[in-house]
């Protein structure tokens, strides 16, 4: 993608990265005193619809929700539009800090939107304010990747394989296995039954409950969710084990999340966002 900076690289308020097919990732920042003391969860989509109408003419709100990016509250909007130039989709995440509003905007034709979002979602969820950029950011130069661990999860930046943990006992573990067996294949070619057999050597009672093909920043990935029962003398504990598999240069990258099955929803979402932030750096 070609990057354009409005104003100067040292003091720009707009960054635009544009792909060959015309899809765009934009980051816009501006100040307004009306945002002082306001959080993104207090924003209303109605305030931003007039701007969409000016920019894209015929518009229709498709989605509106509240989420978080690297632990920062964000409002999400998705709008369908059509005009004399394009029949497309624009979506944006809005974050507030002080008196500044940060808009991360994605624009693409309807035919290209899903593909474009699958390629850039990791970049979106890697957004962090500078003062918190070391909270969950992990980079490995040996295996050429970077990832954002969930905010406030604890990990040792100097070790690999690396594991991040939270206070509830959930974890994310990343390892890389190199083998010629991974030559000329993608993670979506992996046999899940073989993966399960390998898992059974470490986990006693484990089964596959979900498996699906995905893309993480343009790389084919396989997601497999396992149900694991850990049997002790007096009780049985249940866990969900979520694996994201990616393959590159004969190396298998495994992003593993483990959550207790008693209250897994929020931690599973954080593990998913962590996996979606995975990027190769070379």
Protein backbone atom coordinates (compact mmCIF):
# COMPACT_ATOMS: atom_id res chain seq x y z
CA UNK A 1 0.00 0.00 0.00
CA UNK A 2 1.12 3.55 -0.76
CA UNK A 3 1.29 5.85 2.28
CA UNK A 4 0.39 9.54 2.07
CA UNK A 5 0.89 11.99 4.94
CA UNK A 6 -1.10 15.20 5.08
CA UNK A 7 0.89 18.17 6.44
CA UNK A 8 4.36 16.88 7.41
CA UNK A 9 5.68 13.50 8.65
CA UNK A 10 6.56 15.16 11.97
CA UNK A 11 3.17 16.83 12.49
CA UNK A 12 0.49 15.21 10.36
CA UNK A 13 -3.18 14.91 11.18
CA UNK A 14 -4.08 12.49 8.38
CA UNK A 15 -2.43 9.31 7.13
CA UNK A 16 -3.79 7.48 4.09
CA UNK A 17 -2.61 4.06 2.92
CA UNK A 18 -4.07 3.13 -0.46
CA UNK A 19 -4.01 -0.24 -2.23
CA UNK A 20 -3.79 -0.89 -5.95
CA UNK A 21 -7.54 -1.56 -6.21
CA UNK A 22 -8.33 1.78 -4.53
CA UNK A 23 -9.16 0.51 -1.05
CA UNK A 24 -7.99 2.89 1.65
CA UNK A 25 -7.00 2.80 5.29
CA UNK A 26 -7.14 6.29 6.80
CA UNK A 27 -6.16 7.62 10.21
CA UNK A 28 -7.49 11.08 11.03
CA UNK A 29 -6.85 13.07 14.22
CA UNK A 30 -8.31 16.41 15.21
CA UNK A 31 -8.92 18.38 18.41
CA UNK A 32 -12.20 19.74 19.72
CA UNK A 33 -12.97 20.88 23.26
CA UNK A 34 -16.38 19.18 23.13
CA UNK A 35 -14.58 15.84 23.61
CA UNK A 36 -12.96 16.83 26.90
CA UNK A 37 -14.01 14.34 29.59
CA UNK A 38 -15.93 12.20 27.07
CA UNK A 39 -15.23 8.52 26.34
CA UNK A 40 -15.85 6.70 23.07
CA UNK A 41 -18.63 4.68 24.69
CA UNK A 42 -20.58 7.95 25.08
CA UNK A 43 -20.43 8.84 21.38
CA UNK A 44 -23.50 8.53 19.18
CA UNK A 45 -23.37 7.40 15.57
CA UNK A 46 -25.96 10.07 14.70
CA UNK A 47 -23.35 12.79 15.24
CA UNK A 48 -21.22 11.39 12.42
CA UNK A 49 -23.87 10.55 9.82
CA UNK A 50 -23.92 14.08 8.31
CA UNK A 51 -20.19 13.84 7.61
CA UNK A 52 -20.73 10.48 5.89
CA UNK A 53 -23.48 12.01 3.76
CA UNK A 54 -21.24 14.89 2.65
CA UNK A 55 -18.37 12.56 1.80
CA UNK A 56 -20.19 9.62 0.25
CA UNK A 57 -23.65 10.96 -0.82
CA UNK A 58 -26.24 8.19 -0.66
CA UNK A 59 -25.65 6.37 2.63
CA UNK A 60 -27.25 3.75 4.87
CA UNK A 61 -26.07 2.70 8.33
CA UNK A 62 -25.28 -1.04 8.29
CA UNK A 63 -23.72 -1.59 11.73
CA UNK A 64 -23.00 0.34 14.92
CA UNK A 65 -21.38 -1.07 18.05
CA UNK A 66 -18.94 -0.39 20.87
CA UNK A 67 -15.69 -2.30 21.20
CA UNK A 68 -12.12 -1.75 22.36
CA UNK A 69 -8.76 -1.50 20.62
CA UNK A 70 -5.72 -2.42 22.71
CA UNK A 71 -7.77 -1.75 25.85
CA UNK A 72 -9.07 1.63 24.65
CA UNK A 73 -12.87 2.05 24.26
CA UNK A 74 -13.92 2.63 20.65
CA UNK A 75 -17.15 3.21 18.76
CA UNK A 76 -17.56 1.27 15.51
CA UNK A 77 -19.66 2.28 12.51
CA UNK A 78 -20.22 0.65 9.12
CA UNK A 79 -22.05 2.47 6.34
CA UNK A 80 -23.06 1.42 2.82
CA UNK A 81 -22.83 4.14 0.19
CA UNK A 82 -23.18 4.74 -3.51
CA UNK A 83 -22.48 7.75 -5.70
CA UNK A 84 -21.42 8.50 -9.24
CA UNK A 85 -17.92 7.16 -8.58
CA UNK A 86 -18.34 4.12 -6.35
CA UNK A 87 -20.70 1.60 -4.81
CA UNK A 88 -18.91 0.81 -1.60
CA UNK A 89 -18.62 0.40 2.15
CA UNK A 90 -16.92 2.65 4.68
CA UNK A 91 -16.34 1.66 8.29
CA UNK A 92 -14.54 3.42 11.07
CA UNK A 93 -13.40 3.10 14.67
CA UNK A 94 -13.46 6.23 16.83
CA UNK A 95 -11.29 6.67 19.93
CA UNK A 96 -10.95 9.65 22.26
CA UNK A 97 -7.96 10.83 24.26
CA UNK A 98 -8.03 14.21 25.99
CA UNK A 99 -9.60 16.66 23.57
CA UNK A 100 -8.57 14.66 20.50
CA UNK A 101 -10.63 12.25 18.43
CA UNK A 102 -8.83 9.50 16.50
CA UNK A 103 -10.65 8.02 13.50
CA UNK A 104 -9.42 4.78 11.92
CA UNK A 105 -11.37 4.56 8.66
CA UNK A 106 -11.56 1.86 5.99
CA UNK A 107 -13.06 2.46 2.54
CA UNK A 108 -13.50 -0.13 -0.21
CA UNK A 109 -15.87 -1.19 -2.95
CA UNK A 110 -18.49 -3.71 -1.92
CA UNK A 111 -16.70 -6.41 -3.92
CA UNK A 112 -13.36 -5.80 -2.19
CA UNK A 113 -14.45 -4.84 1.34
CA UNK A 114 -14.34 -8.29 3.04
CA UNK A 115 -10.97 -9.16 1.51
CA UNK A 116 -9.54 -5.76 2.40
CA UNK A 117 -10.71 -6.00 6.02
CA UNK A 118 -9.22 -9.48 6.42
CA UNK A 119 -5.87 -8.10 5.29
CA UNK A 120 -5.78 -5.01 7.54
CA UNK A 121 -7.69 -6.01 10.68
CA UNK A 122 -4.44 -6.76 12.49
CA UNK A 123 -3.17 -3.26 11.77
CA UNK A 124 -6.36 -1.75 13.15
CA UNK A 125 -6.18 -3.70 16.40
CA UNK A 126 -2.47 -2.92 16.79
CA UNK A 127 -3.30 0.79 17.26
CA UNK A 128 -2.02 2.08 20.58
CA UNK A 129 -1.40 5.43 22.19
CA UNK A 130 2.31 6.04 22.69
CA UNK A 131 2.25 6.03 26.48
CA UNK A 132 0.75 2.52 26.49
CA UNK A 133 2.63 1.08 23.53
CA UNK A 134 4.76 -1.23 25.70
CA UNK A 135 1.80 -2.69 27.57
CA UNK A 136 1.04 -5.62 25.30
CA UNK A 137 3.30 -5.20 22.27
CA UNK A 138 5.60 -8.15 21.53
CA UNK A 139 8.07 -8.37 18.65
CA UNK A 140 10.27 -11.32 17.72
CA UNK A 141 13.07 -10.59 15.23
CA UNK A 142 14.24 -14.21 15.01
CA UNK A 143 10.90 -15.46 13.69
CA UNK A 144 9.89 -12.14 12.09
CA UNK A 145 6.55 -11.43 13.69
CA UNK A 146 4.82 -9.01 16.03
CA UNK A 147 1.65 -9.34 18.06
CA UNK A 148 -0.34 -7.40 20.65
CA UNK A 149 -1.16 -9.28 23.83
CA UNK A 150 -4.33 -8.21 25.66
CA UNK A 151 -3.88 -5.12 27.81
CA UNK A 152 -2.77 -5.85 31.39
CA UNK A 153 -1.84 -9.46 30.60
CA UNK A 154 1.62 -10.18 32.00
CA UNK A 155 4.44 -11.64 29.87
CA UNK A 156 8.24 -11.77 29.70
CA UNK A 157 9.41 -9.88 26.63
CA UNK A 158 12.85 -11.55 26.73
CA UNK A 159 11.76 -15.19 26.42
CA UNK A 160 10.54 -17.41 23.60
CA UNK A 161 8.28 -19.34 23.37
CA UNK A 162 6.37 -16.53 25.02
CA UNK A 163 3.28 -16.69 27.22
CA UNK A 164 0.97 -13.95 28.50
CA UNK A 165 -1.35 -14.50 31.49
CA UNK A 166 -4.13 -12.59 33.20
CA UNK A 167 -5.33 -12.63 36.81
CA UNK A 168 -8.16 -15.08 36.02
CA UNK A 169 -5.80 -17.80 34.82
CA UNK A 170 -6.36 -17.36 31.09
CA UNK A 171 -3.28 -17.42 28.88
CA UNK A 172 -1.93 -16.89 25.37
CA UNK A 173 1.10 -18.94 24.32
CA UNK A 174 3.05 -18.57 21.08
CA UNK A 175 5.51 -21.06 19.65
CA UNK A 176 7.08 -21.70 16.24
CA UNK A 177 7.94 -25.12 14.82
CA UNK A 178 10.22 -25.39 11.79
CA UNK A 179 9.99 -28.45 9.53
CA UNK A 180 10.24 -29.32 5.84
CA UNK A 181 6.79 -30.91 6.28
CA UNK A 182 5.39 -27.38 6.05
CA UNK A 183 6.93 -26.64 2.66
CA UNK A 184 4.50 -25.52 -0.05
CA UNK A 185 1.40 -25.78 2.15
CA UNK A 186 -0.74 -23.36 4.15
CA UNK A 187 -2.24 -23.82 7.59
CA UNK A 188 -5.55 -24.63 5.92
CA UNK A 189 -3.98 -27.82 4.55
CA UNK A 190 -3.32 -29.18 8.04
CA UNK A 191 -5.16 -32.35 9.12
CA UNK A 192 -7.09 -31.54 12.30
CA UNK A 193 -7.20 -35.20 13.33
CA UNK A 194 -3.39 -35.30 13.27
CA UNK A 195 -3.34 -32.12 15.34
CA UNK A 196 -5.76 -33.70 17.81
CA UNK A 197 -3.63 -36.84 18.14
CA UNK A 198 -0.58 -34.71 18.89
CA UNK A 199 -2.59 -32.79 21.48
CA UNK A 200 -3.66 -35.99 23.24
CA UNK A 201 -0.03 -36.66 24.16
CA UNK A 202 -0.14 -33.61 26.45
CA UNK A 203 -3.84 -33.35 27.33
CA UNK A 204 -5.79 -36.37 28.55
CA UNK A 205 -9.44 -35.73 27.65
CA UNK A 206 -9.66 -33.31 24.71
CA UNK A 207 -12.00 -32.99 21.72
CA UNK A 208 -12.47 -30.63 18.79
CA UNK A 209 -15.66 -28.54 18.98
CA UNK A 210 -15.05 -25.90 16.28
CA UNK A 211 -12.71 -25.60 13.30
CA UNK A 212 -12.71 -23.06 10.49
CA UNK A 213 -10.48 -21.46 7.89
CA UNK A 214 -9.69 -17.77 8.35
CA UNK A 215 -7.28 -15.12 7.14
CA UNK A 216 -5.06 -13.07 9.43
CA UNK A 217 -3.64 -10.02 7.68
CA UNK A 218 -3.85 -11.77 4.33
CA UNK A 219 -2.27 -15.05 5.51
CA UNK A 220 -4.38 -18.25 5.42
CA UNK A 221 -5.00 -19.46 8.97
CA UNK A 222 -6.73 -22.38 10.63
CA UNK A 223 -8.65 -21.85 13.88
CA UNK A 224 -9.42 -24.89 16.01
CA UNK A 225 -11.25 -24.72 19.33
CA UNK A 226 -10.80 -27.68 21.67
CA UNK A 227 -12.67 -28.72 24.83
CA UNK A 228 -10.29 -30.01 27.50
CA UNK A 229 -11.30 -31.77 30.73
CA UNK A 230 -8.55 -31.88 33.32
CA UNK A 231 -9.34 -34.65 35.79
CA UNK A 232 -7.90 -34.42 39.28
CA UNK A 233 -8.41 -36.70 42.26
CA UNK A 234 -11.46 -34.90 43.62
CA UNK A 235 -12.81 -32.86 40.71
CA UNK A 236 -12.75 -32.18 36.98
CA UNK A 237 -11.89 -28.74 35.58
CA UNK A 238 -13.03 -27.72 32.12
CA UNK A 239 -11.15 -25.47 29.69
CA UNK A 240 -11.40 -24.21 26.15
CA UNK A 241 -8.16 -24.30 24.18
CA UNK A 242 -8.14 -22.08 21.08
CA UNK A 243 -5.44 -22.54 18.46
CA UNK A 244 -4.65 -20.31 15.50
CA UNK A 245 -2.23 -21.94 13.05
CA UNK A 246 -0.26 -20.08 10.34
CA UNK A 247 2.53 -21.33 8.06
CA UNK A 248 5.31 -19.37 6.40
CA UNK A 249 8.77 -20.35 5.11
CA UNK A 250 8.44 -23.93 6.42
CA UNK A 251 7.55 -22.62 9.88
CA UNK A 252 4.34 -23.36 11.75
CA UNK A 253 3.23 -20.48 13.98
CA UNK A 254 0.88 -21.53 16.78
CA UNK A 255 -1.08 -18.97 18.81
CA UNK A 256 -2.67 -20.86 21.70
CA UNK A 257 -5.24 -19.44 24.10
CA UNK A 258 -6.59 -21.23 27.17
CA UNK A 259 -9.63 -20.08 29.16
CA UNK A 260 -11.66 -21.64 31.95
CA UNK A 261 -15.06 -22.81 30.71
CA UNK A 262 -16.94 -21.22 33.61
CA UNK A 263 -16.74 -17.66 32.19
CA UNK A 264 -14.87 -17.70 28.88
CA UNK A 265 -16.58 -15.11 26.69
CA UNK A 266 -14.61 -11.93 27.39
CA UNK A 267 -11.22 -13.64 27.51
CA UNK A 268 -11.98 -15.52 24.29
CA UNK A 269 -12.69 -12.21 22.57
CA UNK A 270 -9.39 -10.82 23.83
CA UNK A 271 -7.54 -13.90 22.58
CA UNK A 272 -9.23 -13.52 19.19
CA UNK A 273 -8.15 -9.87 18.93
CA UNK A 274 -4.65 -10.88 19.98
CA UNK A 275 -4.51 -13.44 17.17
CA UNK A 276 -5.93 -10.94 14.66
CA UNK A 277 -3.12 -8.50 15.52
CA UNK A 278 -0.45 -11.02 14.44
CA UNK A 279 1.75 -9.64 11.64
CA UNK A 280 4.88 -10.71 9.83
CA UNK A 281 7.49 -7.96 9.91
CA UNK A 282 9.58 -9.06 6.89
